C-alpha atoms as a PDB file:
ATOM      1  CA  MET A   1       4.465 -54.986 -14.605  1.00  0.00           C
ATOM      2  CA  PRO A   2       1.004 -56.240 -13.505  1.00  0.00           C
ATOM      3  CA  TYR A   3      -1.994 -53.923 -13.664  1.00  0.00           C
ATOM      4  CA  TRP A   4      -2.542 -53.952  -9.905  1.00  0.00           C
ATOM      5  CA  PHE A   5       0.982 -52.632  -9.404  1.00  0.00           C
ATOM      6  CA  TYR A   6       0.173 -49.519 -11.446  1.00  0.00           C
ATOM      7  CA  LEU A   7      -2.982 -48.960  -9.351  1.00  0.00           C
ATOM      8  CA  LEU A   8      -0.922 -49.332  -6.182  1.00  0.00           C
ATOM      9  CA  GLY A   9       1.620 -46.842  -7.499  1.00  0.00           C
ATOM     10  CA  LEU A  10      -1.143 -44.348  -8.355  1.00  0.00           C
ATOM     11  CA  ALA A  11      -2.626 -44.684  -4.872  1.00  0.00           C
ATOM     12  CA  ASP A  12       0.824 -44.183  -3.377  1.00  0.00           C
ATOM     13  CA  LEU A  13       1.340 -41.043  -5.466  1.00  0.00           C
ATOM     14  CA  PHE A  14      -1.928 -39.517  -4.247  1.00  0.00           C
ATOM     15  CA  PHE A  15      -1.090 -40.405  -0.643  1.00  0.00           C
ATOM     16  CA  VAL A  16       2.365 -38.810  -0.929  1.00  0.00           C
ATOM     17  CA  LEU A  17       0.933 -35.608  -2.421  1.00  0.00           C
ATOM     18  CA  TRP A  18      -1.717 -35.402   0.313  1.00  0.00           C
ATOM     19  CA  PHE A  19       0.710 -36.175   3.156  1.00  0.00           C
ATOM     20  CA  PHE A  20       3.369 -33.729   1.982  1.00  0.00           C
ATOM     21  CA  THR A  21       0.909 -30.895   1.317  1.00  0.00           C
ATOM     22  CA  TYR A  22      -1.000 -31.406   4.578  1.00  0.00           C
ATOM     23  CA  GLU A  23       2.033 -31.569   6.862  1.00  0.00           C
ATOM     24  CA  VAL A  24       3.943 -28.691   5.273  1.00  0.00           C
ATOM     25  CA  ALA A  25       0.824 -26.494   5.226  1.00  0.00           C
ATOM     26  CA  ARG A  26       0.061 -27.329   8.891  1.00  0.00           C
ATOM     27  CA  LEU A  27       3.643 -26.470   9.845  1.00  0.00           C
ATOM     28  CA  LEU A  28       3.640 -23.138   7.991  1.00  0.00           C
ATOM     29  CA  LEU A  29       0.126 -22.078   9.065  1.00  0.00           C
ATOM     30  CA  TRP A  30       0.231 -23.418  12.629  1.00  0.00           C
ATOM     31  CA  ARG A  31      -0.218 -19.997  14.259  1.00  0.00           C
ATOM     32  CA  ARG A  32      -3.434 -19.271  12.363  1.00  0.00           C
ATOM     33  CA  ILE A  33      -4.736 -22.800  12.928  1.00  0.00           C
ATOM     34  CA  ASP A  34      -3.886 -22.597  16.632  1.00  0.00           C
ATOM     35  CA  ARG A  35      -5.725 -19.267  16.952  1.00  0.00           C
ATOM     36  CA  MET A  36      -8.845 -20.738  15.322  1.00  0.00           C
ATOM     37  CA  GLU A  37      -8.678 -23.823  17.546  1.00  0.00           C
ATOM     38  CA  ARG A  38      -8.435 -21.687  20.687  1.00  0.00           C
ATOM     39  CA  LEU A  39     -11.606 -19.821  19.744  1.00  0.00           C
ATOM     40  CA  LEU A  40     -13.498 -23.034  18.988  1.00  0.00           C
ATOM     41  CA  HIS A  41     -12.269 -24.940  22.032  1.00  0.00           C
ATOM     42  CA  ALA A  42     -13.272 -22.151  24.409  1.00  0.00           C
ATOM     43  CA  LEU A  43     -16.917 -22.330  23.273  1.00  0.00           C
ATOM     44  CA  PRO A  44     -19.403 -24.034  25.603  1.00  0.00           C
ATOM     45  CA  ASN A  45     -20.536 -27.460  24.449  1.00  0.00           C
ATOM     46  CA  GLY A  46     -23.991 -26.247  23.448  1.00  0.00           C
ATOM     47  CA  ARG A  47     -22.703 -23.419  21.291  1.00  0.00           C
ATOM     48  CA  TYR A  48     -19.888 -25.566  19.840  1.00  0.00           C
ATOM     49  CA  PHE A  49     -22.243 -28.299  18.634  1.00  0.00           C
ATOM     50  CA  ASP A  50     -25.193 -26.067  17.679  1.00  0.00           C
ATOM     51  CA  ARG A  51     -23.237 -23.437  15.748  1.00  0.00           C
ATOM     52  CA  PHE A  52     -20.237 -25.359  14.374  1.00  0.00           C
ATOM     53  CA  ALA A  53     -19.950 -29.140  14.666  1.00  0.00           C
ATOM     54  CA  THR A  54     -23.529 -30.176  13.853  1.00  0.00           C
ATOM     55  CA  PRO A  55     -24.001 -27.842  10.823  1.00  0.00           C
ATOM     56  CA  LEU A  56     -20.628 -28.925   9.424  1.00  0.00           C
ATOM     57  CA  VAL A  57     -21.400 -32.631   9.890  1.00  0.00           C
ATOM     58  CA  THR A  58     -24.838 -32.146   8.343  1.00  0.00           C
ATOM     59  CA  LEU A  59     -23.328 -30.424   5.294  1.00  0.00           C
ATOM     60  CA  VAL A  60     -20.738 -33.146   4.692  1.00  0.00           C
ATOM     61  CA  VAL A  61     -23.270 -35.921   5.242  1.00  0.00           C
ATOM     62  CA  GLY A  62     -25.734 -34.205   2.894  1.00  0.00           C
ATOM     63  CA  LEU A  63     -23.144 -34.091   0.129  1.00  0.00           C
ATOM     64  CA  ALA A  64     -22.295 -37.772   0.610  1.00  0.00           C
ATOM     65  CA  ALA A  65     -25.974 -38.729   0.721  1.00  0.00           C
ATOM     66  CA  GLY A  66     -26.670 -36.780  -2.479  1.00  0.00           C
ATOM     67  CA  TYR A  67     -23.871 -38.647  -4.203  1.00  0.00           C
ATOM     68  CA  GLY A  68     -25.326 -41.964  -3.028  1.00  0.00           C
ATOM     69  CA  VAL A  69     -28.873 -41.053  -4.113  1.00  0.00           C
ATOM     70  CA  ASN A  70     -27.633 -40.201  -7.607  1.00  0.00           C
ATOM     71  CA  ASP A  71     -25.875 -43.563  -7.854  1.00  0.00           C
ATOM     72  CA  MET A  72     -29.004 -45.419  -6.723  1.00  0.00           C
ATOM     73  CA  GLY A  73     -30.627 -44.581 -10.051  1.00  0.00           C
ATOM     74  CA  GLU A  74     -27.943 -46.494 -11.950  1.00  0.00           C
ATOM     75  CA  ASP A  75     -28.036 -50.173 -12.807  1.00  0.00           C
ATOM     76  CA  GLY A  76     -25.824 -52.935 -11.497  1.00  0.00           C
ATOM     77  CA  ALA A  77     -23.048 -52.538  -8.963  1.00  0.00           C
ATOM     78  CA  GLU A  78     -23.088 -48.737  -9.093  1.00  0.00           C
ATOM     79  CA  GLY A  79     -26.710 -48.585  -7.925  1.00  0.00           C
ATOM     80  CA  PHE A  80     -26.019 -51.081  -5.148  1.00  0.00           C
ATOM     81  CA  PHE A  81     -23.003 -49.034  -4.031  1.00  0.00           C
ATOM     82  CA  GLY A  82     -25.197 -45.925  -3.943  1.00  0.00           C
ATOM     83  CA  LEU A  83     -27.702 -47.722  -1.726  1.00  0.00           C
ATOM     84  CA  LEU A  84     -24.935 -48.814   0.646  1.00  0.00           C
ATOM     85  CA  THR A  85     -23.644 -45.230   0.762  1.00  0.00           C
ATOM     86  CA  VAL A  86     -27.063 -43.851   1.721  1.00  0.00           C
ATOM     87  CA  VAL A  87     -27.553 -46.514   4.416  1.00  0.00           C
ATOM     88  CA  ALA A  88     -24.063 -45.889   5.873  1.00  0.00           C
ATOM     89  CA  VAL A  89     -24.593 -42.108   5.866  1.00  0.00           C
ATOM     90  CA  ALA A  90     -27.988 -42.425   7.554  1.00  0.00           C
ATOM     91  CA  ALA A  91     -26.571 -44.731  10.241  1.00  0.00           C
ATOM     92  CA  ALA A  92     -23.597 -42.429  10.908  1.00  0.00           C
ATOM     93  CA  LEU A  93     -25.790 -39.310  11.108  1.00  0.00           C
ATOM     94  CA  GLY A  94     -28.263 -41.057  13.376  1.00  0.00           C
ATOM     95  CA  GLN A  95     -25.475 -42.183  15.705  1.00  0.00           C
ATOM     96  CA  TYR A  96     -24.036 -38.663  15.808  1.00  0.00           C
ATOM     97  CA  HIS A  97     -27.363 -37.034  16.686  1.00  0.00           C
ATOM     98  CA  PHE A  98     -28.135 -39.734  19.263  1.00  0.00           C
ATOM     99  CA  ARG A  99     -24.822 -39.142  21.062  1.00  0.00           C
ATOM    100  CA  GLU A 100     -25.292 -35.374  20.815  1.00  0.00           C
ATOM    101  CA  ALA A 101     -28.810 -35.552  22.263  1.00  0.00           C
ATOM    102  CA  THR A 102     -27.752 -37.828  25.131  1.00  0.00           C
ATOM    103  CA  GLY A 103     -24.662 -35.763  25.955  1.00  0.00           C
ATOM    104  CA  THR A 104     -22.252 -38.631  25.239  1.00  0.00           C
ATOM    105  CA  LEU A 105     -20.514 -36.943  22.303  1.00  0.00           C
ATOM    106  CA  PRO A 106     -17.152 -35.678  23.619  1.00  0.00           C
ATOM    107  CA  ARG A 107     -14.936 -33.011  22.204  1.00  0.00           C
ATOM    108  CA  PRO A 108     -12.621 -34.618  19.648  1.00  0.00           C
ATOM    109  CA  VAL A 109      -9.209 -33.999  21.225  1.00  0.00           C
ATOM    110  CA  PRO A 110      -7.856 -33.586  24.789  1.00  0.00           C
ATOM    111  CA  ARG A 111      -6.629 -30.035  24.182  1.00  0.00           C
ATOM    112  CA  ALA A 112     -10.222 -29.011  23.449  1.00  0.00           C
ATOM    113  CA  ARG A 113     -11.337 -30.314  26.853  1.00  0.00           C
ATOM    114  CA  TRP A 114      -8.443 -28.581  28.627  1.00  0.00           C
ATOM    115  CA  ARG A 115      -9.173 -25.248  26.984  1.00  0.00           C
ATOM    116  CA  LEU A 116     -12.871 -25.659  27.692  1.00  0.00           C
ATOM    117  CA  GLU A 117     -12.153 -26.227  31.397  1.00  0.00           C
ATOM    118  CA  LEU A 118     -10.080 -23.033  31.530  1.00  0.00           C
ATOM    119  CA  ALA A 119     -12.770 -21.105  29.686  1.00  0.00           C
ATOM    120  CA  GLU A 120     -15.406 -22.424  32.108  1.00  0.00           C
ATOM    121  CA  GLY A 121     -13.218 -21.317  35.021  1.00  0.00           C
ATOM    122  CA  ARG A 122     -12.983 -17.800  33.570  1.00  0.00           C
ATOM    123  CA  ARG A 123     -16.742 -17.714  33.047  1.00  0.00           C
ATOM    124  CA  VAL A 124     -17.301 -18.757  36.668  1.00  0.00           C
ATOM    125  CA  LEU A 125     -15.027 -16.007  37.968  1.00  0.00           C
ATOM    126  CA  ASP A 126     -16.564 -13.436  35.613  1.00  0.00           C
ATOM    127  CA  GLY A 127     -20.103 -14.209  36.790  1.00  0.00           C
ATOM    128  CA  ASP A 128     -22.068 -12.570  39.586  1.00  0.00           C
ATOM    129  CA  GLY A 129     -22.153 -13.769  43.162  1.00  0.00           C
ATOM    130  CA  VAL A 130     -19.649 -15.407  45.495  1.00  0.00           C
ATOM    131  CA  LEU A 131     -18.166 -18.890  45.292  1.00  0.00           C
ATOM    132  CA  SER A 132     -18.615 -21.104  48.310  1.00  0.00           C
ATOM    133  CA  PRO A 133     -15.454 -22.540  49.915  1.00  0.00           C
ATOM    134  CA  THR A 134     -16.230 -25.957  48.416  1.00  0.00           C
ATOM    135  CA  GLU A 135     -16.714 -24.525  44.930  1.00  0.00           C
ATOM    136  CA  ALA A 136     -13.559 -22.466  45.247  1.00  0.00           C
ATOM    137  CA  ALA A 137     -11.526 -25.489  46.372  1.00  0.00           C
ATOM    138  CA  ARG A 138     -12.896 -27.601  43.528  1.00  0.00           C
ATOM    139  CA  LEU A 139     -12.120 -24.893  40.965  1.00  0.00           C
ATOM    140  CA  ARG A 140      -8.623 -24.381  42.358  1.00  0.00           C
ATOM    141  CA  ALA A 141      -7.930 -28.123  42.179  1.00  0.00           C
ATOM    142  CA  ARG A 142      -8.973 -28.267  38.521  1.00  0.00           C
ATOM    143  CA  VAL A 143      -6.878 -25.232  37.632  1.00  0.00           C
ATOM    144  CA  VAL A 144      -3.805 -26.541  39.455  1.00  0.00           C
ATOM    145  CA  GLY A 145      -4.232 -29.887  37.679  1.00  0.00           C
ATOM    146  CA  LEU A 146      -4.311 -28.161  34.292  1.00  0.00           C
ATOM    147  CA  GLY A 147      -1.171 -26.237  35.231  1.00  0.00           C
ATOM    148  CA  GLY A 148       0.535 -29.567  35.888  1.00  0.00           C
ATOM    149  CA  VAL A 149      -0.588 -30.786  32.472  1.00  0.00           C
ATOM    150  CA  GLY A 150       1.005 -27.712  30.901  1.00  0.00           C
ATOM    151  CA  GLU A 151       4.290 -28.359  32.688  1.00  0.00           C
ATOM    152  CA  ARG A 152       4.373 -31.961  31.468  1.00  0.00           C
ATOM    153  CA  LEU A 153       3.600 -30.935  27.899  1.00  0.00           C
ATOM    154  CA  VAL A 154       6.475 -28.438  27.840  1.00  0.00           C
ATOM    155  CA  HIS A 155       8.915 -31.022  29.217  1.00  0.00           C
ATOM    156  CA  ARG A 156       7.680 -33.615  26.718  1.00  0.00           C
ATOM    157  CA  ALA A 157       8.171 -31.196  23.816  1.00  0.00           C
ATOM    158  CA  VAL A 158      11.758 -30.550  24.864  1.00  0.00           C
ATOM    159  CA  ALA A 159      12.557 -34.248  25.287  1.00  0.00           C
ATOM    160  CA  LEU A 160      10.584 -35.542  22.284  1.00  0.00           C
ATOM    161  CA  THR A 161      12.922 -37.658  20.138  1.00  0.00           C
ATOM    162  CA  TRP A 162      12.199 -39.477  16.890  1.00  0.00           C
ATOM    163  CA  ARG A 163      11.972 -42.797  18.731  1.00  0.00           C
ATOM    164  CA  GLU A 164       9.521 -41.384  21.270  1.00  0.00           C
ATOM    165  CA  ALA A 165       7.483 -39.743  18.500  1.00  0.00           C
ATOM    166  CA  LEU A 166       7.236 -43.053  16.616  1.00  0.00           C
ATOM    167  CA  ARG A 167       6.192 -44.868  19.780  1.00  0.00           C
ATOM    168  CA  ARG A 168       3.387 -42.376  20.423  1.00  0.00           C
ATOM    169  CA  GLU A 169       2.271 -42.197  16.776  1.00  0.00           C
ATOM    170  CA  ARG A 170      -0.732 -44.145  15.511  1.00  0.00           C
ATOM    171  CA  TRP A 171       0.263 -47.506  14.057  1.00  0.00           C
ATOM    172  CA  TRP A 172      -1.597 -46.967  10.792  1.00  0.00           C
ATOM    173  CA  ALA A 173       0.125 -43.611  10.253  1.00  0.00           C
ATOM    174  CA  VAL A 174       3.571 -45.144  10.792  1.00  0.00           C
ATOM    175  CA  GLY A 175       2.757 -48.069   8.498  1.00  0.00           C
ATOM    176  CA  GLY A 176       1.275 -45.873   5.780  1.00  0.00           C
ATOM    177  CA  VAL A 177       4.194 -43.457   5.747  1.00  0.00           C
ATOM    178  CA  ALA A 178       6.732 -46.295   5.748  1.00  0.00           C
ATOM    179  CA  CYS A 179       5.016 -48.006   2.818  1.00  0.00           C
ATOM    180  CA  ALA A 180       4.704 -44.725   0.930  1.00  0.00           C
ATOM    181  CA  ALA A 181       8.439 -44.097   1.344  1.00  0.00           C
ATOM    182  CA  LEU A 182       9.639 -47.646   0.550  1.00  0.00           C
ATOM    183  CA  LEU A 183       7.391 -48.474  -2.399  1.00  0.00           C
ATOM    184  CA  PRO A 184       8.984 -45.864  -4.727  1.00  0.00           C
ATOM    185  CA  LEU A 185      12.461 -47.084  -3.763  1.00  0.00           C
ATOM    186  CA  VAL A 186      11.521 -50.715  -4.492  1.00  0.00           C
ATOM    187  CA  THR A 187       9.957 -49.683  -7.798  1.00  0.00           C
ATOM    188  CA  MET A 188      12.990 -47.607  -8.702  1.00  0.00           C
ATOM    189  CA  ALA A 189      15.280 -50.556  -8.034  1.00  0.00           C
ATOM    190  CA  ARG A 190      13.062 -52.837 -10.156  1.00  0.00           C
ATOM    191  CA  VAL A 191      12.976 -50.364 -13.037  1.00  0.00           C
ATOM    192  CA  ALA A 192      16.754 -50.014 -12.911  1.00  0.00           C
ATOM    193  CA  ALA A 193      17.190 -53.804 -12.848  1.00  0.00           C
ATOM    194  CA  VAL A 194      14.777 -54.490 -15.731  1.00  0.00           C
ATOM    195  CA  ARG A 195      15.447 -51.551 -18.056  1.00  0.00           C
ATOM    196  CA  GLY A 196      18.808 -50.349 -16.844  1.00  0.00           C
ATOM    197  CA  VAL A 197      19.792 -46.800 -16.018  1.00  0.00           C
ATOM    198  CA  HIS A 198      19.580 -44.584 -19.109  1.00  0.00           C
ATOM    199  CA  ALA A 199      17.913 -41.415 -20.336  1.00  0.00           C
ATOM    200  CA  ASP A 200      14.588 -43.095 -21.186  1.00  0.00           C
ATOM    201  CA  VAL A 201      13.841 -43.950 -17.563  1.00  0.00           C
ATOM    202  CA  ALA A 202      15.417 -40.847 -16.003  1.00  0.00           C
ATOM    203  CA  GLY A 203      12.012 -39.158 -15.587  1.00  0.00           C
ATOM    204  CA  VAL A 204      10.487 -42.196 -13.877  1.00  0.00           C
ATOM    205  CA  VAL A 205      13.481 -42.544 -11.561  1.00  0.00           C
ATOM    206  CA  ALA A 206      13.329 -38.843 -10.707  1.00  0.00           C
ATOM    207  CA  LEU A 207       9.595 -39.087  -9.927  1.00  0.00           C
ATOM    208  CA  LEU A 208      10.060 -42.110  -7.685  1.00  0.00           C
ATOM    209  CA  GLY A 209      12.996 -40.547  -5.871  1.00  0.00           C
ATOM    210  CA  GLY A 210      11.031 -37.324  -5.447  1.00  0.00           C
ATOM    211  CA  MET A 211       8.126 -39.255  -3.910  1.00  0.00           C
ATOM    212  CA  SER A 212      10.373 -40.823  -1.273  1.00  0.00           C
ATOM    213  CA  ALA A 213      11.990 -37.449  -0.587  1.00  0.00           C
ATOM    214  CA  ALA A 214       8.558 -35.815  -0.220  1.00  0.00           C
ATOM    215  CA  VAL A 215       7.543 -38.449   2.336  1.00  0.00           C
ATOM    216  CA  ALA A 216      10.751 -37.795   4.301  1.00  0.00           C
ATOM    217  CA  VAL A 217      10.130 -34.028   4.251  1.00  0.00           C
ATOM    218  CA  GLY A 218       6.518 -34.545   5.320  1.00  0.00           C
ATOM    219  CA  ALA A 219       7.606 -36.794   8.215  1.00  0.00           C
ATOM    220  CA  ALA A 220      10.156 -34.198   9.345  1.00  0.00           C
ATOM    221  CA  ALA A 221       7.493 -31.466   9.144  1.00  0.00           C
ATOM    222  CA  ARG A 222       5.102 -33.614  11.183  1.00  0.00           C
ATOM    223  CA  HIS A 223       7.728 -34.175  13.878  1.00  0.00           C
ATOM    224  CA  ALA A 224       8.581 -30.463  14.036  1.00  0.00           C
ATOM    225  CA  ARG A 225       4.887 -29.553  14.139  1.00  0.00           C
ATOM    226  CA  HIS A 226       4.175 -31.932  16.999  1.00  0.00           C
ATOM    227  CA  ARG A 227       7.029 -30.518  19.062  1.00  0.00           C
ATOM    228  CA  ARG A 228       5.962 -26.944  18.361  1.00  0.00           C
ATOM    229  CA  GLU A 229       2.310 -27.627  19.159  1.00  0.00           C
ATOM    230  CA  LEU A 230       3.158 -29.437  22.397  1.00  0.00           C
ATOM    231  CA  ARG A 231       5.386 -26.592  23.542  1.00  0.00           C
ATOM    232  CA  ALA A 232       2.851 -23.918  22.589  1.00  0.00           C
ATOM    233  CA  LEU A 233      -0.037 -25.765  24.249  1.00  0.00           C
ATOM    234  CA  GLY A 234       1.968 -26.374  27.425  1.00  0.00           C
ATOM    235  CA  SER A 235       2.967 -22.710  27.638  1.00  0.00           C
ATOM    236  CA  GLU A 236      -0.633 -21.667  27.026  1.00  0.00           C
ATOM    237  CA  LEU A 237      -1.949 -23.885  29.822  1.00  0.00           C
ATOM    238  CA  ARG A 238       0.707 -22.635  32.243  1.00  0.00           C
ATOM    239  CA  GLN A 239      -0.025 -18.976  31.494  1.00  0.00           C
ATOM    240  CA  GLN A 240      -3.801 -19.390  31.647  1.00  0.00           C
ATOM    241  CA  THR A 241      -3.713 -21.311  34.924  1.00  0.00           C
ATOM    242  CA  ARG A 242      -1.421 -18.730  36.514  1.00  0.00           C
ATOM    243  CA  ALA A 243      -3.786 -15.974  35.431  1.00  0.00           C
ATOM    244  CA  LEU A 244      -6.747 -17.805  36.982  1.00  0.00           C
ATOM    245  CA  LEU A 245      -4.881 -18.599  40.200  1.00  0.00           C
ATOM    246  CA  ASP A 246      -3.905 -14.931  40.541  1.00  0.00           C
ATOM    247  CA  ARG A 247      -7.613 -14.098  40.625  1.00  0.00           C
ATOM    248  CA  MET A 248      -8.269 -16.597  43.419  1.00  0.00           C
ATOM    249  CA  PRO A 249      -7.120 -15.909  47.003  1.00  0.00           C
ATOM    250  CA  ALA A 250      -4.852 -18.587  48.418  1.00  0.00           C
ATOM    251  CA  PRO A 251      -6.705 -20.953  50.805  1.00  0.00           C
ATOM    252  CA  ALA A 252      -5.777 -20.837  54.486  1.00  0.00           C
ATOM    253  CA  GLY A 253      -6.141 -23.775  56.857  1.00  0.00           C
ATOM    254  CA  GLY A 254      -7.892 -25.958  54.300  1.00  0.00           C
ATOM    255  CA  ASP A 255     -10.844 -23.560  53.883  1.00  0.00           C
ATOM    256  CA  ASP A 256     -10.805 -20.425  51.826  1.00  0.00           C
ATOM    257  CA  PRO A 257     -11.728 -17.580  54.224  1.00  0.00           C
ATOM    258  CA  ASP A 258     -12.141 -15.126  51.416  1.00  0.00           C
ATOM    259  CA  PRO A 259     -13.804 -17.027  48.531  1.00  0.00           C
ATOM    260  CA  PRO A 260     -13.208 -15.589  45.075  1.00  0.00           C
ATOM    261  CA  ARG A 261     -15.938 -13.317  43.825  1.00  0.00           C
ATOM    262  CA  ARG A 262     -17.457 -13.758  40.450  1.00  0.00           C
ATOM    263  CA  GLY A 263     -17.012 -10.640  38.409  1.00  0.00           C
ATOM    264  CA  PRO A 264     -14.224  -8.146  37.659  1.00  0.00           C
ATOM    265  CA  VAL A 265     -11.298  -8.254  40.023  1.00  0.00           C
ATOM    266  CA  SER A 266     -10.401  -4.879  41.463  1.00  0.00           C
ATOM    267  CA  GLY A 267      -6.885  -3.779  42.255  1.00  0.00           C
END
């Protein structure tokens, strides 16, 4: 077989190991991961970026830049690659800090923005003073909208089929998983056709079949994780919005005669 085919097979093996380990671990540890995400997503933007996102990005970028600087001292292509790495890292870090400084750097996922809105609503109600009717109506509209999002997420989780999941999945993820599952099968068929099926190739055949099976298990774990996360997030949004609405008096005649007070709710 050509040399490039062995490199492709090695890359496929690493991808299969990463995909299987990542998806199975996410499925088994989803409760702990979800609890950590809730804490992070509820942080205000300033605290989230100052205490978590920016230090983490700076650490990762520093490691990559150090690797590039070390390569710059080498001769030939390795030194040139190190220079390109340093330039790319500097450009990426500069873009990140520019967007952070100008307030154009959004939270990475929609669920973070939804949880942040609920957390901001709780902070408003826990503060001192009295909300004006306009502020109360605006807050109620946002909370009711998030409750509707929770309802839709729960219904989507119940009705999520494999076809719907594939349609909503990123194209590169679908293509990568399909290639990772089919390449071992094609290789296994080629090995069987060239060398025949006997004891000498049994280990190779078992490895290739195990790779395809691992991809299938990882895909099933990903599907189950998506359904579970959608259902849990929808239920969370419904419960949180109900709790906030219970703290806000119902509006009467379009205006809220008794605007919600910031601070502890008595009774």
